[in-house]
């Protein structure tokens, strides 16, 4: 399940502990392009 964060323009995957950026309305769903969630976000 992905959580959409409109202001941050990210899709959050809590099980994966990753945040995927959305650029030009296209989600970048590559693991190597994602950022790790902070402990507060996870």
N, C-alpha and C. Protein backbone atom coordinates (compact mmCIF):
# COMPACT_ATOMS: atom_id res chain seq x y z
N UNK A 1 0.84 -1.17 0.00
CA UNK A 1 0.00 0.00 0.00
C UNK A 1 0.90 1.25 0.00
N UNK A 2 0.53 2.23 -0.81
CA UNK A 2 1.28 3.47 -0.90
C UNK A 2 0.44 4.63 -0.37
N UNK A 3 1.10 5.53 0.33
CA UNK A 3 0.46 6.72 0.86
C UNK A 3 0.93 7.91 0.04
N UNK A 4 -0.01 8.67 -0.50
CA UNK A 4 0.32 9.84 -1.33
C UNK A 4 0.45 11.07 -0.44
N UNK A 5 1.60 11.74 -0.51
CA UNK A 5 1.82 12.99 0.22
C UNK A 5 1.90 14.10 -0.82
N UNK A 6 0.79 14.81 -0.97
CA UNK A 6 0.66 15.81 -2.03
C UNK A 6 1.68 16.94 -1.91
N UNK A 7 1.83 17.51 -0.73
CA UNK A 7 2.75 18.64 -0.54
C UNK A 7 4.18 18.24 -0.85
N UNK A 8 4.60 17.07 -0.39
CA UNK A 8 5.97 16.60 -0.59
C UNK A 8 6.18 16.00 -1.98
N UNK A 9 5.06 15.75 -2.70
CA UNK A 9 5.11 15.09 -4.01
C UNK A 9 5.86 13.76 -3.91
N UNK A 10 5.37 12.90 -3.00
CA UNK A 10 5.98 11.60 -2.77
C UNK A 10 4.92 10.54 -2.57
N UNK A 11 5.28 9.33 -2.89
CA UNK A 11 4.51 8.15 -2.52
C UNK A 11 5.31 7.42 -1.45
N UNK A 12 4.68 7.16 -0.32
CA UNK A 12 5.34 6.53 0.82
C UNK A 12 4.95 5.07 0.90
N UNK A 13 5.96 4.20 0.99
CA UNK A 13 5.75 2.77 1.18
C UNK A 13 6.29 2.42 2.57
N UNK A 14 5.38 2.31 3.54
CA UNK A 14 5.82 2.02 4.91
C UNK A 14 6.42 0.63 5.05
N UNK A 15 5.87 -0.43 4.42
CA UNK A 15 6.51 -1.75 4.55
C UNK A 15 7.94 -1.76 4.00
N UNK A 16 8.17 -1.00 2.92
CA UNK A 16 9.51 -0.94 2.31
C UNK A 16 10.41 0.10 2.99
N UNK A 17 9.77 1.00 3.76
CA UNK A 17 10.47 2.11 4.42
C UNK A 17 11.17 3.01 3.40
N UNK A 18 10.42 3.29 2.28
CA UNK A 18 10.95 4.12 1.21
C UNK A 18 9.94 5.18 0.80
N UNK A 19 10.45 6.30 0.29
CA UNK A 19 9.62 7.37 -0.26
C UNK A 19 10.04 7.56 -1.71
N UNK A 20 9.05 7.47 -2.60
CA UNK A 20 9.31 7.61 -4.03
C UNK A 20 8.86 8.99 -4.48
N UNK A 21 9.75 9.71 -5.14
CA UNK A 21 9.45 11.06 -5.62
C UNK A 21 8.48 11.01 -6.81
N UNK A 22 7.70 12.08 -6.94
CA UNK A 22 6.83 12.27 -8.10
C UNK A 22 7.36 13.48 -8.84
N UNK A 23 7.76 13.29 -10.10
CA UNK A 23 8.32 14.37 -10.92
C UNK A 23 7.48 14.51 -12.18
N UNK A 24 7.00 15.72 -12.45
CA UNK A 24 6.15 15.98 -13.62
C UNK A 24 4.95 15.05 -13.65
N UNK A 25 4.34 14.84 -12.48
CA UNK A 25 3.16 13.98 -12.31
C UNK A 25 3.44 12.50 -12.59
N UNK A 26 4.71 12.10 -12.61
CA UNK A 26 5.07 10.70 -12.84
C UNK A 26 5.84 10.18 -11.62
N UNK A 27 5.32 9.14 -10.96
CA UNK A 27 6.07 8.58 -9.83
C UNK A 27 7.31 7.83 -10.31
N UNK A 28 8.41 8.08 -9.64
CA UNK A 28 9.67 7.41 -9.94
C UNK A 28 9.78 6.22 -8.99
N UNK A 29 9.40 5.05 -9.48
CA UNK A 29 9.25 3.86 -8.63
C UNK A 29 10.48 2.96 -8.64
N UNK A 30 11.64 3.55 -8.78
CA UNK A 30 12.89 2.79 -8.75
C UNK A 30 13.46 2.81 -7.34
N UNK A 31 13.76 1.65 -6.81
CA UNK A 31 14.28 1.55 -5.45
C UNK A 31 15.55 2.38 -5.28
N UNK A 32 16.42 2.38 -6.28
CA UNK A 32 17.68 3.12 -6.17
C UNK A 32 17.47 4.64 -6.23
N UNK A 33 16.30 5.10 -6.68
CA UNK A 33 15.99 6.54 -6.73
C UNK A 33 15.21 7.00 -5.49
N UNK A 34 14.72 6.05 -4.71
CA UNK A 34 13.90 6.37 -3.53
C UNK A 34 14.78 6.82 -2.37
N UNK A 35 14.15 7.53 -1.45
CA UNK A 35 14.86 7.90 -0.22
C UNK A 35 14.33 7.04 0.92
N UNK A 36 15.19 6.79 1.88
CA UNK A 36 14.80 6.01 3.06
C UNK A 36 13.95 6.88 3.97
N UNK A 37 12.92 6.27 4.55
CA UNK A 37 12.10 6.99 5.51
C UNK A 37 12.86 7.20 6.82
N UNK A 38 12.58 8.32 7.45
CA UNK A 38 13.17 8.57 8.77
C UNK A 38 12.42 7.69 9.80
N UNK A 39 12.97 7.49 10.97
CA UNK A 39 12.27 6.70 11.99
C UNK A 39 10.91 7.29 12.34
N UNK A 40 10.75 8.60 12.28
CA UNK A 40 9.47 9.23 12.57
C UNK A 40 8.44 8.93 11.49
N UNK A 41 8.87 8.77 10.24
CA UNK A 41 7.96 8.50 9.13
C UNK A 41 7.58 7.02 9.05
N UNK A 42 8.47 6.15 9.47
CA UNK A 42 8.26 4.70 9.31
C UNK A 42 7.25 4.12 10.26
